[in-house]
């Protein structure tokens, strides 16, 4: 079973390397989506493979949104319904698994 990884800020000690806490996370997917929309509008994109103060300032919002979404999903699984092929609820439940210590 895979886990949702909301993402984290990691240490700010190395400004040249993206923190592992951020890499392959929901927050990184949000950052990538922002860059995609900027590209589509012909606008300048952000450097994504750094841990500069500018990157950290931007990512703080992405991490907060991702952590909030994952926490919401984890605490409101009853709002998610599994349907069969005929759109009838199956009665099965959903477990939202998160990576411990993501922040």
C-alpha atoms as a PDB file:
ATOM      1  CA  UNK A   1       0.000   0.000   0.000  1.00  0.00           C
ATOM      2  CA  UNK A   2       1.390   3.406  -0.861  1.00  0.00           C
ATOM      3  CA  UNK A   3       1.006   6.445   1.348  1.00  0.00           C
ATOM      4  CA  UNK A   4       0.068  10.013   0.604  1.00  0.00           C
ATOM      5  CA  UNK A   5       3.106  12.222   1.147  1.00  0.00           C
ATOM      6  CA  UNK A   6       1.961  15.780   1.786  1.00  0.00           C
ATOM      7  CA  UNK A   7       5.529  17.105   1.847  1.00  0.00           C
ATOM      8  CA  UNK A   8       7.698  19.072   4.193  1.00  0.00           C
ATOM      9  CA  UNK A   9      10.147  21.930   4.200  1.00  0.00           C
ATOM     10  CA  UNK A  10      13.214  20.011   5.341  1.00  0.00           C
ATOM     11  CA  UNK A  11      16.391  21.698   6.522  1.00  0.00           C
ATOM     12  CA  UNK A  12      17.371  25.032   5.066  1.00  0.00           C
ATOM     13  CA  UNK A  13      21.087  24.325   5.528  1.00  0.00           C
ATOM     14  CA  UNK A  14      21.766  23.439   1.876  1.00  0.00           C
ATOM     15  CA  UNK A  15      20.206  26.040  -0.452  1.00  0.00           C
ATOM     16  CA  UNK A  16      21.386  24.155  -3.553  1.00  0.00           C
ATOM     17  CA  UNK A  17      19.451  20.894  -3.079  1.00  0.00           C
ATOM     18  CA  UNK A  18      15.707  20.272  -2.962  1.00  0.00           C
ATOM     19  CA  UNK A  19      14.850  18.729   0.458  1.00  0.00           C
ATOM     20  CA  UNK A  20      13.930  15.035   0.397  1.00  0.00           C
ATOM     21  CA  UNK A  21      10.904  15.913   2.538  1.00  0.00           C
ATOM     22  CA  UNK A  22       9.581  17.973  -0.386  1.00  0.00           C
ATOM     23  CA  UNK A  23      10.603  15.683  -3.251  1.00  0.00           C
ATOM     24  CA  UNK A  24       7.912  13.364  -4.674  1.00  0.00           C
ATOM     25  CA  UNK A  25       5.211  14.894  -2.493  1.00  0.00           C
ATOM     26  CA  UNK A  26       1.804  16.453  -3.005  1.00  0.00           C
ATOM     27  CA  UNK A  27       3.394  19.857  -2.322  1.00  0.00           C
ATOM     28  CA  UNK A  28       5.901  19.257  -5.125  1.00  0.00           C
ATOM     29  CA  UNK A  29       3.028  18.302  -7.449  1.00  0.00           C
ATOM     30  CA  UNK A  30       1.377  21.632  -6.598  1.00  0.00           C
ATOM     31  CA  UNK A  31       4.614  23.479  -7.373  1.00  0.00           C
ATOM     32  CA  UNK A  32       4.921  21.626 -10.685  1.00  0.00           C
ATOM     33  CA  UNK A  33       1.312  22.476 -11.558  1.00  0.00           C
ATOM     34  CA  UNK A  34       2.035  26.158 -10.880  1.00  0.00           C
ATOM     35  CA  UNK A  35       5.040  26.043 -13.201  1.00  0.00           C
ATOM     36  CA  UNK A  36       2.935  24.297 -15.871  1.00  0.00           C
ATOM     37  CA  UNK A  37       0.280  27.024 -15.725  1.00  0.00           C
ATOM     38  CA  UNK A  38       2.957  29.726 -15.858  1.00  0.00           C
ATOM     39  CA  UNK A  39       4.476  28.035 -18.930  1.00  0.00           C
ATOM     40  CA  UNK A  40       1.051  27.791 -20.589  1.00  0.00           C
ATOM     41  CA  UNK A  41       0.631  31.551 -20.158  1.00  0.00           C
ATOM     42  CA  UNK A  42       4.134  32.287 -21.443  1.00  0.00           C
ATOM     43  CA  UNK A  43       5.330  33.493 -18.053  1.00  0.00           C
ATOM     44  CA  UNK A  44       8.634  32.956 -16.275  1.00  0.00           C
ATOM     45  CA  UNK A  45       8.733  29.738 -14.196  1.00  0.00           C
ATOM     46  CA  UNK A  46      10.409  29.080 -10.855  1.00  0.00           C
ATOM     47  CA  UNK A  47      13.616  27.112 -10.315  1.00  0.00           C
ATOM     48  CA  UNK A  48      12.495  23.875  -8.672  1.00  0.00           C
ATOM     49  CA  UNK A  49      15.747  22.038  -7.911  1.00  0.00           C
ATOM     50  CA  UNK A  50      16.971  24.405  -5.221  1.00  0.00           C
ATOM     51  CA  UNK A  51      16.288  25.107  -1.572  1.00  0.00           C
ATOM     52  CA  UNK A  52      16.875  28.850  -1.806  1.00  0.00           C
ATOM     53  CA  UNK A  53      15.058  31.269   0.458  1.00  0.00           C
ATOM     54  CA  UNK A  54      12.860  32.214  -2.498  1.00  0.00           C
ATOM     55  CA  UNK A  55      11.953  28.546  -3.080  1.00  0.00           C
ATOM     56  CA  UNK A  56      11.275  28.012   0.629  1.00  0.00           C
ATOM     57  CA  UNK A  57       9.044  31.108   0.781  1.00  0.00           C
ATOM     58  CA  UNK A  58       6.984  29.811  -2.159  1.00  0.00           C
ATOM     59  CA  UNK A  59       6.905  26.197  -0.958  1.00  0.00           C
ATOM     60  CA  UNK A  60       5.677  27.097   2.510  1.00  0.00           C
ATOM     61  CA  UNK A  61       2.221  27.705   1.014  1.00  0.00           C
ATOM     62  CA  UNK A  62       2.313  24.497  -1.048  1.00  0.00           C
ATOM     63  CA  UNK A  63       3.307  22.413   1.983  1.00  0.00           C
ATOM     64  CA  UNK A  64       0.573  24.008   4.099  1.00  0.00           C
ATOM     65  CA  UNK A  65      -2.080  23.308   1.448  1.00  0.00           C
ATOM     66  CA  UNK A  66      -0.931  19.716   0.937  1.00  0.00           C
ATOM     67  CA  UNK A  67      -0.713  18.976   4.673  1.00  0.00           C
ATOM     68  CA  UNK A  68      -4.185  20.451   5.140  1.00  0.00           C
ATOM     69  CA  UNK A  69      -5.694  18.423   2.284  1.00  0.00           C
ATOM     70  CA  UNK A  70      -4.157  15.170   3.529  1.00  0.00           C
ATOM     71  CA  UNK A  71      -5.250  15.858   7.120  1.00  0.00           C
ATOM     72  CA  UNK A  72      -8.761  16.631   5.915  1.00  0.00           C
ATOM     73  CA  UNK A  73      -8.952  13.437   3.868  1.00  0.00           C
ATOM     74  CA  UNK A  74      -7.579  11.379   6.746  1.00  0.00           C
ATOM     75  CA  UNK A  75     -10.151  12.736   9.190  1.00  0.00           C
ATOM     76  CA  UNK A  76     -13.114  12.702   6.806  1.00  0.00           C
ATOM     77  CA  UNK A  77     -12.897   9.333   5.083  1.00  0.00           C
ATOM     78  CA  UNK A  78     -16.608   8.865   5.719  1.00  0.00           C
ATOM     79  CA  UNK A  79     -17.173  11.587   3.113  1.00  0.00           C
ATOM     80  CA  UNK A  80     -15.545   9.361   0.482  1.00  0.00           C
ATOM     81  CA  UNK A  81     -17.734   6.625  -0.963  1.00  0.00           C
ATOM     82  CA  UNK A  82     -16.699   3.592  -3.008  1.00  0.00           C
ATOM     83  CA  UNK A  83     -19.237   2.858  -5.740  1.00  0.00           C
ATOM     84  CA  UNK A  84     -19.698  -0.255  -7.842  1.00  0.00           C
ATOM     85  CA  UNK A  85     -20.089  -0.266 -11.621  1.00  0.00           C
ATOM     86  CA  UNK A  86     -23.741   0.782 -11.255  1.00  0.00           C
ATOM     87  CA  UNK A  87     -22.841   3.727  -8.968  1.00  0.00           C
ATOM     88  CA  UNK A  88     -24.229   1.935  -5.927  1.00  0.00           C
ATOM     89  CA  UNK A  89     -22.288   2.355  -2.671  1.00  0.00           C
ATOM     90  CA  UNK A  90     -20.426  -0.855  -1.834  1.00  0.00           C
ATOM     91  CA  UNK A  91     -20.226  -0.266   1.910  1.00  0.00           C
ATOM     92  CA  UNK A  92     -16.435  -0.553   1.764  1.00  0.00           C
ATOM     93  CA  UNK A  93     -14.381   2.003   3.663  1.00  0.00           C
ATOM     94  CA  UNK A  94     -11.348   4.042   2.705  1.00  0.00           C
ATOM     95  CA  UNK A  95      -8.170   4.283   4.763  1.00  0.00           C
ATOM     96  CA  UNK A  96      -5.961   7.289   4.048  1.00  0.00           C
ATOM     97  CA  UNK A  97      -2.366   6.343   4.777  1.00  0.00           C
ATOM     98  CA  UNK A  98       0.143   9.137   5.337  1.00  0.00           C
ATOM     99  CA  UNK A  99       3.872   9.146   5.717  1.00  0.00           C
ATOM    100  CA  UNK A 100       4.764   9.722   9.393  1.00  0.00           C
ATOM    101  CA  UNK A 101       6.838  12.758  10.208  1.00  0.00           C
ATOM    102  CA  UNK A 102       6.261  14.519   6.883  1.00  0.00           C
ATOM    103  CA  UNK A 103       6.688  17.928   8.471  1.00  0.00           C
END
